[in-house]
């Protein structure tokens, strides 16, 4: 039998394997030196990808305050009849009896707090107020508006919840675009049904209401018929819808806090203006300042 000797090539095979390994190593090294954003690297991870930025933290000691809103924030009828009294404003007032948010937080309220609220303002007016406020670059903006949107001549004239929400969203966008780090405190719209139940206990208050104050809620205060009850409940439901809009829009912004306690506060006639039994008096302004300060300085998210 003839034996055919086949050549044995172990050296060449080892050389080929080594060359393949070297090529692979070179390819890996070249891939690892590419663009860090291309997803390369071991396990598909990007070694040079930046870590997520931490969420901004709420500061409990803002150094400046700007207030926007309606007649409540300018202290209307708190000091004298049919006049603003910004000195007793819960947000920026200087009256020590009220002890406003600005007095509690700001070292020099005279130069580091501003009040852009207007008597009679609706939510529709808020974007323009925000435009004025951002020019001062405050570290905190307080918002209290919405009572006038529900306090109309009749329920049919109340601002719709969709329009209310849209104007608040526009206001917050304006503020956030100009001042991304400014904090926002949003007070709930007060409970107007409780206002009726407390104010109607005062004969003088009911006479003043006849002049046309908040007709949708306060008209015919002693009418306890089913129709009147339905009308008042409609106003309360609208206020609750406004507060739901404020809360849902605010909660999407990490530097915005909505304070429901203003709606839940069980105020009495002692907190109402002696001039109209509608707006907060000094005592009412003091309570608003207390609630706001408590929420603004609350630690945590």
Foldseek 3Di string as FASTA:
>chain_A
DDDDDDDDDPPVVVVVVVVVVVVVVVVLVVQVPDDLVPQDDPPSHRPPDDDDDDDDFADLAWAAEEEEEAQLQQCALQPHDGDGHNLLGQDQHVDVLLCHLCNVRHPDSVLGYYYQYYHLDALLCLLVSLVVVCVSVGQEYEYDYHPNLLLDLANVSHDALVVSLVSVLNNVVVNCVSHVRRAYEYEAHAQVLLLLVQQVVDPVLLVLCVVPTSNQANPPSVDPDPVNVVSNVSSRVRSVSSLVSVVVSQVVRPRYDYQHVNHVPNDHQVQARPRRSHHGHSNVSSVVSVSRSCVSNDDDD
